[in-house]
C-alpha atoms as a PDB file:
ATOM      1  CA  UNK A   1     -56.078 -16.751 -70.881  1.00  0.00           C
ATOM      2  CA  UNK A   2     -55.821 -20.532 -71.218  1.00  0.00           C
ATOM      3  CA  UNK A   3     -58.594 -22.138 -68.887  1.00  0.00           C
ATOM      4  CA  UNK A   4     -55.551 -24.509 -67.005  1.00  0.00           C
ATOM      5  CA  UNK A   5     -53.243 -21.754 -66.789  1.00  0.00           C
ATOM      6  CA  UNK A   6     -56.054 -19.604 -64.894  1.00  0.00           C
ATOM      7  CA  UNK A   7     -56.694 -22.414 -62.527  1.00  0.00           C
ATOM      8  CA  UNK A   8     -53.134 -23.197 -62.203  1.00  0.00           C
ATOM      9  CA  UNK A   9     -52.191 -19.420 -61.297  1.00  0.00           C
ATOM     10  CA  UNK A  10     -54.759 -19.047 -59.047  1.00  0.00           C
ATOM     11  CA  UNK A  11     -53.790 -22.381 -57.038  1.00  0.00           C
ATOM     12  CA  UNK A  12     -50.317 -20.385 -57.394  1.00  0.00           C
ATOM     13  CA  UNK A  13     -51.044 -17.651 -55.395  1.00  0.00           C
ATOM     14  CA  UNK A  14     -52.994 -19.377 -52.723  1.00  0.00           C
ATOM     15  CA  UNK A  15     -50.079 -21.386 -52.167  1.00  0.00           C
ATOM     16  CA  UNK A  16     -47.520 -18.698 -51.994  1.00  0.00           C
ATOM     17  CA  UNK A  17     -50.116 -16.554 -49.604  1.00  0.00           C
ATOM     18  CA  UNK A  18     -50.109 -19.509 -47.144  1.00  0.00           C
ATOM     19  CA  UNK A  19     -46.159 -19.329 -47.487  1.00  0.00           C
ATOM     20  CA  UNK A  20     -45.779 -15.865 -47.331  1.00  0.00           C
ATOM     21  CA  UNK A  21     -48.590 -14.490 -45.321  1.00  0.00           C
ATOM     22  CA  UNK A  22     -48.831 -10.507 -44.945  1.00  0.00           C
ATOM     23  CA  UNK A  23     -45.458 -10.459 -46.437  1.00  0.00           C
ATOM     24  CA  UNK A  24     -46.921 -11.381 -49.837  1.00  0.00           C
ATOM     25  CA  UNK A  25     -47.536  -7.580 -51.473  1.00  0.00           C
ATOM     26  CA  UNK A  26     -48.791  -8.846 -54.835  1.00  0.00           C
ATOM     27  CA  UNK A  27     -48.358 -11.820 -57.442  1.00  0.00           C
ATOM     28  CA  UNK A  28     -48.237 -10.549 -61.192  1.00  0.00           C
ATOM     29  CA  UNK A  29     -48.305 -12.871 -64.635  1.00  0.00           C
ATOM     30  CA  UNK A  30     -45.602 -11.479 -67.013  1.00  0.00           C
ATOM     31  CA  UNK A  31     -43.901 -12.324 -69.950  1.00  0.00           C
ATOM     32  CA  UNK A  32     -46.820 -14.260 -72.568  1.00  0.00           C
ATOM     33  CA  UNK A  33     -49.216 -14.103 -70.678  1.00  0.00           C
ATOM     34  CA  UNK A  34     -48.945 -10.368 -69.359  1.00  0.00           C
ATOM     35  CA  UNK A  35     -48.704  -9.492 -73.167  1.00  0.00           C
ATOM     36  CA  UNK A  36     -51.587 -11.613 -73.863  1.00  0.00           C
ATOM     37  CA  UNK A  37     -49.528 -14.200 -76.202  1.00  0.00           C
ATOM     38  CA  UNK A  38     -49.976 -17.041 -74.377  1.00  0.00           C
ATOM     39  CA  UNK A  39     -49.734 -20.179 -76.998  1.00  0.00           C
ATOM     40  CA  UNK A  40     -50.612 -23.876 -75.269  1.00  0.00           C
ATOM     41  CA  UNK A  41     -47.833 -26.025 -76.146  1.00  0.00           C
ATOM     42  CA  UNK A  42     -45.065 -23.527 -76.057  1.00  0.00           C
ATOM     43  CA  UNK A  43     -45.115 -20.937 -74.077  1.00  0.00           C
ATOM     44  CA  UNK A  44     -43.377 -20.893 -70.130  1.00  0.00           C
ATOM     45  CA  UNK A  45     -46.154 -19.496 -67.196  1.00  0.00           C
ATOM     46  CA  UNK A  46     -43.797 -16.516 -65.916  1.00  0.00           C
ATOM     47  CA  UNK A  47     -44.800 -14.893 -62.200  1.00  0.00           C
ATOM     48  CA  UNK A  48     -43.786 -12.580 -60.319  1.00  0.00           C
ATOM     49  CA  UNK A  49     -44.324 -12.537 -56.405  1.00  0.00           C
ATOM     50  CA  UNK A  50     -43.101  -9.267 -54.608  1.00  0.00           C
ATOM     51  CA  UNK A  51     -42.871  -9.300 -50.718  1.00  0.00           C
ATOM     52  CA  UNK A  52     -42.543  -6.406 -48.554  1.00  0.00           C
ATOM     53  CA  UNK A  53     -39.457  -7.780 -46.228  1.00  0.00           C
ATOM     54  CA  UNK A  54     -36.543 -10.334 -47.793  1.00  0.00           C
ATOM     55  CA  UNK A  55     -36.884 -13.969 -47.337  1.00  0.00           C
ATOM     56  CA  UNK A  56     -34.643 -16.269 -44.918  1.00  0.00           C
ATOM     57  CA  UNK A  57     -33.503 -19.369 -46.388  1.00  0.00           C
ATOM     58  CA  UNK A  58     -36.177 -21.779 -44.661  1.00  0.00           C
ATOM     59  CA  UNK A  59     -39.263 -19.215 -46.204  1.00  0.00           C
ATOM     60  CA  UNK A  60     -37.352 -19.693 -49.935  1.00  0.00           C
ATOM     61  CA  UNK A  61     -36.996 -23.697 -49.723  1.00  0.00           C
ATOM     62  CA  UNK A  62     -40.662 -24.074 -48.109  1.00  0.00           C
ATOM     63  CA  UNK A  63     -41.920 -21.883 -51.211  1.00  0.00           C
ATOM     64  CA  UNK A  64     -39.890 -23.683 -53.711  1.00  0.00           C
ATOM     65  CA  UNK A  65     -40.880 -27.087 -52.366  1.00  0.00           C
ATOM     66  CA  UNK A  66     -44.752 -25.734 -52.302  1.00  0.00           C
ATOM     67  CA  UNK A  67     -44.853 -24.219 -56.086  1.00  0.00           C
ATOM     68  CA  UNK A  68     -42.421 -27.014 -57.702  1.00  0.00           C
ATOM     69  CA  UNK A  69     -44.177 -28.675 -60.550  1.00  0.00           C
ATOM     70  CA  UNK A  70     -43.944 -31.908 -58.335  1.00  0.00           C
ATOM     71  CA  UNK A  71     -45.860 -30.451 -55.808  1.00  0.00           C
ATOM     72  CA  UNK A  72     -47.558 -27.932 -58.177  1.00  0.00           C
ATOM     73  CA  UNK A  73     -48.244 -29.381 -61.933  1.00  0.00           C
ATOM     74  CA  UNK A  74     -47.634 -26.813 -64.087  1.00  0.00           C
ATOM     75  CA  UNK A  75     -49.973 -27.345 -67.454  1.00  0.00           C
ATOM     76  CA  UNK A  76     -47.319 -24.971 -69.881  1.00  0.00           C
ATOM     77  CA  UNK A  77     -43.523 -26.050 -70.643  1.00  0.00           C
ATOM     78  CA  UNK A  78     -42.648 -24.518 -67.525  1.00  0.00           C
ATOM     79  CA  UNK A  79     -43.051 -22.031 -64.992  1.00  0.00           C
ATOM     80  CA  UNK A  80     -40.515 -19.176 -64.511  1.00  0.00           C
ATOM     81  CA  UNK A  81     -41.082 -17.554 -61.216  1.00  0.00           C
ATOM     82  CA  UNK A  82     -39.186 -15.034 -59.509  1.00  0.00           C
ATOM     83  CA  UNK A  83     -39.594 -13.148 -56.060  1.00  0.00           C
ATOM     84  CA  UNK A  84     -38.532  -9.498 -55.641  1.00  0.00           C
ATOM     85  CA  UNK A  85     -38.919  -7.131 -52.450  1.00  0.00           C
ATOM     86  CA  UNK A  86     -41.278  -4.082 -52.944  1.00  0.00           C
ATOM     87  CA  UNK A  87     -38.187  -1.914 -52.729  1.00  0.00           C
ATOM     88  CA  UNK A  88     -36.330  -3.663 -55.339  1.00  0.00           C
ATOM     89  CA  UNK A  89     -39.131  -3.987 -58.006  1.00  0.00           C
ATOM     90  CA  UNK A  90     -39.992  -0.039 -57.492  1.00  0.00           C
ATOM     91  CA  UNK A  91     -36.733   1.074 -57.838  1.00  0.00           C
ATOM     92  CA  UNK A  92     -35.927   0.501 -61.787  1.00  0.00           C
ATOM     93  CA  UNK A  93     -32.374  -1.250 -60.689  1.00  0.00           C
ATOM     94  CA  UNK A  94     -30.646  -2.759 -63.505  1.00  0.00           C
ATOM     95  CA  UNK A  95     -29.586  -5.718 -61.231  1.00  0.00           C
ATOM     96  CA  UNK A  96     -31.583  -8.465 -61.154  1.00  0.00           C
ATOM     97  CA  UNK A  97     -32.061  -7.799 -57.397  1.00  0.00           C
ATOM     98  CA  UNK A  98     -34.240 -11.185 -56.727  1.00  0.00           C
ATOM     99  CA  UNK A  99     -35.107 -13.265 -53.352  1.00  0.00           C
ATOM    100  CA  UNK A 100     -35.325 -16.389 -55.064  1.00  0.00           C
ATOM    101  CA  UNK A 101     -35.914 -17.634 -58.677  1.00  0.00           C
ATOM    102  CA  UNK A 102     -37.622 -21.218 -59.514  1.00  0.00           C
ATOM    103  CA  UNK A 103     -37.771 -22.606 -62.907  1.00  0.00           C
ATOM    104  CA  UNK A 104     -40.139 -25.898 -63.121  1.00  0.00           C
ATOM    105  CA  UNK A 105     -42.134 -27.721 -65.279  1.00  0.00           C
ATOM    106  CA  UNK A 106     -42.689 -31.132 -67.468  1.00  0.00           C
ATOM    107  CA  UNK A 107     -39.911 -29.702 -70.292  1.00  0.00           C
ATOM    108  CA  UNK A 108     -37.846 -27.256 -68.057  1.00  0.00           C
ATOM    109  CA  UNK A 109     -35.393 -28.925 -66.028  1.00  0.00           C
ATOM    110  CA  UNK A 110     -35.581 -27.904 -62.265  1.00  0.00           C
ATOM    111  CA  UNK A 111     -33.415 -25.110 -60.701  1.00  0.00           C
ATOM    112  CA  UNK A 112     -33.788 -23.181 -57.503  1.00  0.00           C
ATOM    113  CA  UNK A 113     -31.809 -19.721 -57.173  1.00  0.00           C
ATOM    114  CA  UNK A 114     -31.539 -18.381 -53.668  1.00  0.00           C
ATOM    115  CA  UNK A 115     -29.575 -15.563 -54.249  1.00  0.00           C
ATOM    116  CA  UNK A 116     -28.394 -13.387 -57.673  1.00  0.00           C
ATOM    117  CA  UNK A 117     -24.779 -14.258 -56.630  1.00  0.00           C
ATOM    118  CA  UNK A 118     -25.505 -17.702 -57.325  1.00  0.00           C
ATOM    119  CA  UNK A 119     -26.980 -17.417 -60.813  1.00  0.00           C
ATOM    120  CA  UNK A 120     -24.445 -18.325 -63.451  1.00  0.00           C
ATOM    121  CA  UNK A 121     -23.056 -15.395 -65.416  1.00  0.00           C
ATOM    122  CA  UNK A 122     -23.071 -17.530 -68.618  1.00  0.00           C
ATOM    123  CA  UNK A 123     -26.998 -17.656 -68.051  1.00  0.00           C
ATOM    124  CA  UNK A 124     -27.359 -13.666 -68.220  1.00  0.00           C
ATOM    125  CA  UNK A 125     -28.111 -11.472 -65.620  1.00  0.00           C
ATOM    126  CA  UNK A 126     -30.183  -8.980 -67.876  1.00  0.00           C
ATOM    127  CA  UNK A 127     -33.466 -11.239 -67.752  1.00  0.00           C
ATOM    128  CA  UNK A 128     -34.518  -9.743 -64.123  1.00  0.00           C
ATOM    129  CA  UNK A 129     -34.778  -6.016 -65.187  1.00  0.00           C
ATOM    130  CA  UNK A 130     -35.790  -6.387 -68.412  1.00  0.00           C
ATOM    131  CA  UNK A 131     -38.681  -8.346 -67.074  1.00  0.00           C
ATOM    132  CA  UNK A 132     -39.521  -6.272 -64.589  1.00  0.00           C
ATOM    133  CA  UNK A 133     -39.675  -3.349 -67.294  1.00  0.00           C
ATOM    134  CA  UNK A 134     -42.791  -5.485 -69.557  1.00  0.00           C
ATOM    135  CA  UNK A 135     -44.382  -6.133 -65.817  1.00  0.00           C
ATOM    136  CA  UNK A 136     -44.422  -2.104 -65.696  1.00  0.00           C
ATOM    137  CA  UNK A 137     -45.705  -2.142 -68.789  1.00  0.00           C
ATOM    138  CA  UNK A 138     -47.903  -5.357 -69.210  1.00  0.00           C
ATOM    139  CA  UNK A 139     -47.836  -7.068 -65.740  1.00  0.00           C
ATOM    140  CA  UNK A 140     -51.516  -9.295 -64.841  1.00  0.00           C
ATOM    141  CA  UNK A 141     -52.037  -8.175 -61.451  1.00  0.00           C
ATOM    142  CA  UNK A 142     -53.181 -11.930 -59.703  1.00  0.00           C
ATOM    143  CA  UNK A 143     -52.938 -10.139 -56.570  1.00  0.00           C
ATOM    144  CA  UNK A 144     -52.413  -6.480 -55.103  1.00  0.00           C
ATOM    145  CA  UNK A 145     -51.942  -3.156 -56.665  1.00  0.00           C
ATOM    146  CA  UNK A 146     -51.702  -2.709 -60.475  1.00  0.00           C
ATOM    147  CA  UNK A 147     -48.166  -3.772 -61.613  1.00  0.00           C
ATOM    148  CA  UNK A 148     -47.575  -0.104 -63.094  1.00  0.00           C
ATOM    149  CA  UNK A 149     -47.560   0.971 -59.297  1.00  0.00           C
ATOM    150  CA  UNK A 150     -45.309  -1.678 -57.997  1.00  0.00           C
ATOM    151  CA  UNK A 151     -42.699  -2.306 -60.870  1.00  0.00           C
ATOM    152  CA  UNK A 152     -40.615   0.598 -61.979  1.00  0.00           C
ATOM    153  CA  UNK A 153     -39.241   0.930 -65.612  1.00  0.00           C
ATOM    154  CA  UNK A 154     -35.135   1.254 -66.591  1.00  0.00           C
ATOM    155  CA  UNK A 155     -33.883   4.518 -67.135  1.00  0.00           C
ATOM    156  CA  UNK A 156     -33.276   4.733 -70.937  1.00  0.00           C
ATOM    157  CA  UNK A 157     -29.242   3.854 -70.829  1.00  0.00           C
ATOM    158  CA  UNK A 158     -30.024   0.854 -68.785  1.00  0.00           C
ATOM    159  CA  UNK A 159     -32.271  -0.368 -70.842  1.00  0.00           C
ATOM    160  CA  UNK A 160     -30.522  -0.180 -73.952  1.00  0.00           C
ATOM    161  CA  UNK A 161     -27.314  -1.298 -72.360  1.00  0.00           C
ATOM    162  CA  UNK A 162     -29.461  -4.519 -71.006  1.00  0.00           C
ATOM    163  CA  UNK A 163     -31.007  -5.115 -74.585  1.00  0.00           C
ATOM    164  CA  UNK A 164     -27.472  -5.086 -75.835  1.00  0.00           C
ATOM    165  CA  UNK A 165     -26.200  -7.897 -73.504  1.00  0.00           C
ATOM    166  CA  UNK A 166     -29.258  -9.941 -74.318  1.00  0.00           C
ATOM    167  CA  UNK A 167     -29.156  -9.752 -77.878  1.00  0.00           C
ATOM    168  CA  UNK A 168     -25.405 -10.341 -77.605  1.00  0.00           C
ATOM    169  CA  UNK A 169     -25.926 -13.347 -75.242  1.00  0.00           C
ATOM    170  CA  UNK A 170     -28.724 -14.941 -78.256  1.00  0.00           C
ATOM    171  CA  UNK A 171     -25.890 -14.141 -80.657  1.00  0.00           C
ATOM    172  CA  UNK A 172     -23.045 -16.651 -79.022  1.00  0.00           C
ATOM    173  CA  UNK A 173     -25.955 -19.724 -78.543  1.00  0.00           C
ATOM    174  CA  UNK A 174     -25.142 -22.654 -80.848  1.00  0.00           C
ATOM    175  CA  UNK A 175     -27.171 -22.854 -83.965  1.00  0.00           C
ATOM    176  CA  UNK A 176     -26.562 -25.028 -87.032  1.00  0.00           C
ATOM    177  CA  UNK A 177     -23.979 -23.374 -89.705  1.00  0.00           C
ATOM    178  CA  UNK A 178     -25.799 -24.672 -92.998  1.00  0.00           C
ATOM    179  CA  UNK A 179     -28.628 -23.368 -94.881  1.00  0.00           C
ATOM    180  CA  UNK A 180     -31.358 -25.881 -93.740  1.00  0.00           C
ATOM    181  CA  UNK A 181     -33.984 -24.987 -91.330  1.00  0.00           C
ATOM    182  CA  UNK A 182     -32.355 -24.570 -87.844  1.00  0.00           C
ATOM    183  CA  UNK A 183     -34.463 -25.454 -84.790  1.00  0.00           C
ATOM    184  CA  UNK A 184     -34.582 -21.970 -82.816  1.00  0.00           C
ATOM    185  CA  UNK A 185     -33.871 -19.673 -85.420  1.00  0.00           C
ATOM    186  CA  UNK A 186     -37.367 -18.381 -85.120  1.00  0.00           C
ATOM    187  CA  UNK A 187     -37.260 -17.225 -81.876  1.00  0.00           C
ATOM    188  CA  UNK A 188     -33.567 -15.779 -82.311  1.00  0.00           C
ATOM    189  CA  UNK A 189     -35.279 -13.700 -85.106  1.00  0.00           C
ATOM    190  CA  UNK A 190     -38.149 -12.704 -82.961  1.00  0.00           C
ATOM    191  CA  UNK A 191     -36.520 -11.767 -80.037  1.00  0.00           C
ATOM    192  CA  UNK A 192     -34.240  -9.493 -81.823  1.00  0.00           C
ATOM    193  CA  UNK A 193     -37.508  -8.013 -83.580  1.00  0.00           C
ATOM    194  CA  UNK A 194     -38.850  -7.405 -79.570  1.00  0.00           C
ATOM    195  CA  UNK A 195     -35.801  -5.896 -78.476  1.00  0.00           C
ATOM    196  CA  UNK A 196     -35.151  -3.569 -82.135  1.00  0.00           C
ATOM    197  CA  UNK A 197     -38.986  -2.586 -81.219  1.00  0.00           C
ATOM    198  CA  UNK A 198     -38.585  -1.528 -77.392  1.00  0.00           C
ATOM    199  CA  UNK A 199     -35.309   0.310 -78.707  1.00  0.00           C
ATOM    200  CA  UNK A 200     -36.967   2.237 -81.164  1.00  0.00           C
ATOM    201  CA  UNK A 201     -40.589   2.801 -79.929  1.00  0.00           C
ATOM    202  CA  UNK A 202     -40.050   2.264 -76.210  1.00  0.00           C
ATOM    203  CA  UNK A 203     -42.981  -0.212 -75.728  1.00  0.00           C
ATOM    204  CA  UNK A 204     -42.692  -3.625 -75.233  1.00  0.00           C
ATOM    205  CA  UNK A 205     -44.566  -6.118 -77.772  1.00  0.00           C
ATOM    206  CA  UNK A 206     -44.753 -10.303 -77.836  1.00  0.00           C
ATOM    207  CA  UNK A 207     -42.324 -11.600 -79.884  1.00  0.00           C
ATOM    208  CA  UNK A 208     -44.965 -12.170 -82.693  1.00  0.00           C
ATOM    209  CA  UNK A 209     -46.577  -9.076 -82.143  1.00  0.00           C
ATOM    210  CA  UNK A 210     -42.945  -7.208 -82.705  1.00  0.00           C
ATOM    211  CA  UNK A 211     -42.434  -9.184 -85.626  1.00  0.00           C
ATOM    212  CA  UNK A 212     -45.654  -7.943 -87.185  1.00  0.00           C
ATOM    213  CA  UNK A 213     -44.991  -4.313 -86.475  1.00  0.00           C
ATOM    214  CA  UNK A 214     -41.945  -4.699 -88.524  1.00  0.00           C
ATOM    215  CA  UNK A 215     -43.378  -6.164 -91.337  1.00  0.00           C
ATOM    216  CA  UNK A 216     -46.173  -3.415 -91.291  1.00  0.00           C
ATOM    217  CA  UNK A 217     -42.578  -0.841 -92.044  1.00  0.00           C
ATOM    218  CA  UNK A 218     -41.868  -3.157 -94.842  1.00  0.00           C
ATOM    219  CA  UNK A 219     -38.668  -4.263 -92.959  1.00  0.00           C
ATOM    220  CA  UNK A 220     -37.281  -8.094 -93.347  1.00  0.00           C
ATOM    221  CA  UNK A 221     -40.853  -9.223 -94.508  1.00  0.00           C
ATOM    222  CA  UNK A 222     -39.772 -12.534 -95.826  1.00  0.00           C
ATOM    223  CA  UNK A 223     -37.655 -13.658 -93.084  1.00  0.00           C
ATOM    224  CA  UNK A 224     -39.906 -12.309 -90.053  1.00  0.00           C
ATOM    225  CA  UNK A 225     -43.128 -13.787 -91.980  1.00  0.00           C
ATOM    226  CA  UNK A 226     -41.137 -17.468 -92.096  1.00  0.00           C
ATOM    227  CA  UNK A 227     -40.055 -17.026 -88.266  1.00  0.00           C
ATOM    228  CA  UNK A 228     -43.621 -16.459 -87.288  1.00  0.00           C
ATOM    229  CA  UNK A 229     -44.904 -18.987 -89.810  1.00  0.00           C
ATOM    230  CA  UNK A 230     -42.465 -21.868 -87.795  1.00  0.00           C
ATOM    231  CA  UNK A 231     -43.967 -21.183 -84.303  1.00  0.00           C
ATOM    232  CA  UNK A 232     -46.893 -22.926 -86.185  1.00  0.00           C
ATOM    233  CA  UNK A 233     -44.772 -26.231 -87.256  1.00  0.00           C
ATOM    234  CA  UNK A 234     -43.541 -24.782 -90.619  1.00  0.00           C
ATOM    235  CA  UNK A 235     -39.850 -24.871 -91.360  1.00  0.00           C
ATOM    236  CA  UNK A 236     -37.745 -21.815 -89.609  1.00  0.00           C
ATOM    237  CA  UNK A 237     -35.249 -19.993 -90.917  1.00  0.00           C
ATOM    238  CA  UNK A 238     -31.740 -21.007 -91.120  1.00  0.00           C
ATOM    239  CA  UNK A 239     -29.188 -20.345 -88.578  1.00  0.00           C
ATOM    240  CA  UNK A 240     -27.102 -17.899 -90.871  1.00  0.00           C
ATOM    241  CA  UNK A 241     -30.470 -15.717 -91.985  1.00  0.00           C
ATOM    242  CA  UNK A 242     -30.933 -15.706 -88.189  1.00  0.00           C
ATOM    243  CA  UNK A 243     -27.703 -14.536 -87.281  1.00  0.00           C
ATOM    244  CA  UNK A 244     -27.448 -12.073 -89.793  1.00  0.00           C
ATOM    245  CA  UNK A 245     -30.492 -10.626 -88.658  1.00  0.00           C
ATOM    246  CA  UNK A 246     -29.676 -10.444 -85.193  1.00  0.00           C
ATOM    247  CA  UNK A 247     -26.055  -8.813 -86.029  1.00  0.00           C
ATOM    248  CA  UNK A 248     -27.880  -5.933 -87.573  1.00  0.00           C
ATOM    249  CA  UNK A 249     -30.336  -5.314 -84.429  1.00  0.00           C
ATOM    250  CA  UNK A 250     -27.329  -5.341 -82.294  1.00  0.00           C
ATOM    251  CA  UNK A 251     -25.379  -2.940 -84.041  1.00  0.00           C
ATOM    252  CA  UNK A 252     -28.526  -0.783 -84.233  1.00  0.00           C
ATOM    253  CA  UNK A 253     -29.434  -1.274 -80.767  1.00  0.00           C
ATOM    254  CA  UNK A 254     -25.689  -0.449 -79.600  1.00  0.00           C
ATOM    255  CA  UNK A 255     -25.521   2.531 -81.535  1.00  0.00           C
ATOM    256  CA  UNK A 256     -23.029   1.104 -83.639  1.00  0.00           C
ATOM    257  CA  UNK A 257     -25.180   0.825 -86.974  1.00  0.00           C
END
């Protein structure tokens, strides 16, 4: 783990414990940190806190105030923090089910969401259960029991449905239509790689590692190689190339291929 990120996570856990006290069951690094794929300057820091009991509004707001970037500077692009009750984390529900969500950081717009019903539908409601599935497999315990003992995985039918929703959401994002390099197309391609590998093999990989896995099988080698290189500063694929690959992956994951 990046040293600055490790120090930051330690302070974040201390502050969360100050606010939540004995209600705090555990704290877990998710996303690129949990999957051992953190890339300084590009990756976010994803954290899940687990509490024994529901939080009241005052506690939610205090937690946000103590952890937002202005109070605790984030050394990454941003912090994406979600708090779950332990019964939700262990239920395998496909619903968002969170107590509070905080997005904050030097390159991330601030947003605090205090109930799932406040989450705009256009932003996607599939993220949370997919993140909990990743936590079940690869969450890094910063405090508390192992992540696999706290977070339940999704049922296969729910997993496939949420992966399909996520792929459709990515496809709906605007992307340049021309044949030139399209910034962001690399993430569209590699995100689709991760979804495809999970649907086929039942294992979560980082976006880049999922791309390598498909390349080892001889699939879409040139497109994926350019997408991986784009994360190191090389030109990304074009929008139409990314879209064609995403549609192909969506068809397979949705079972219409």
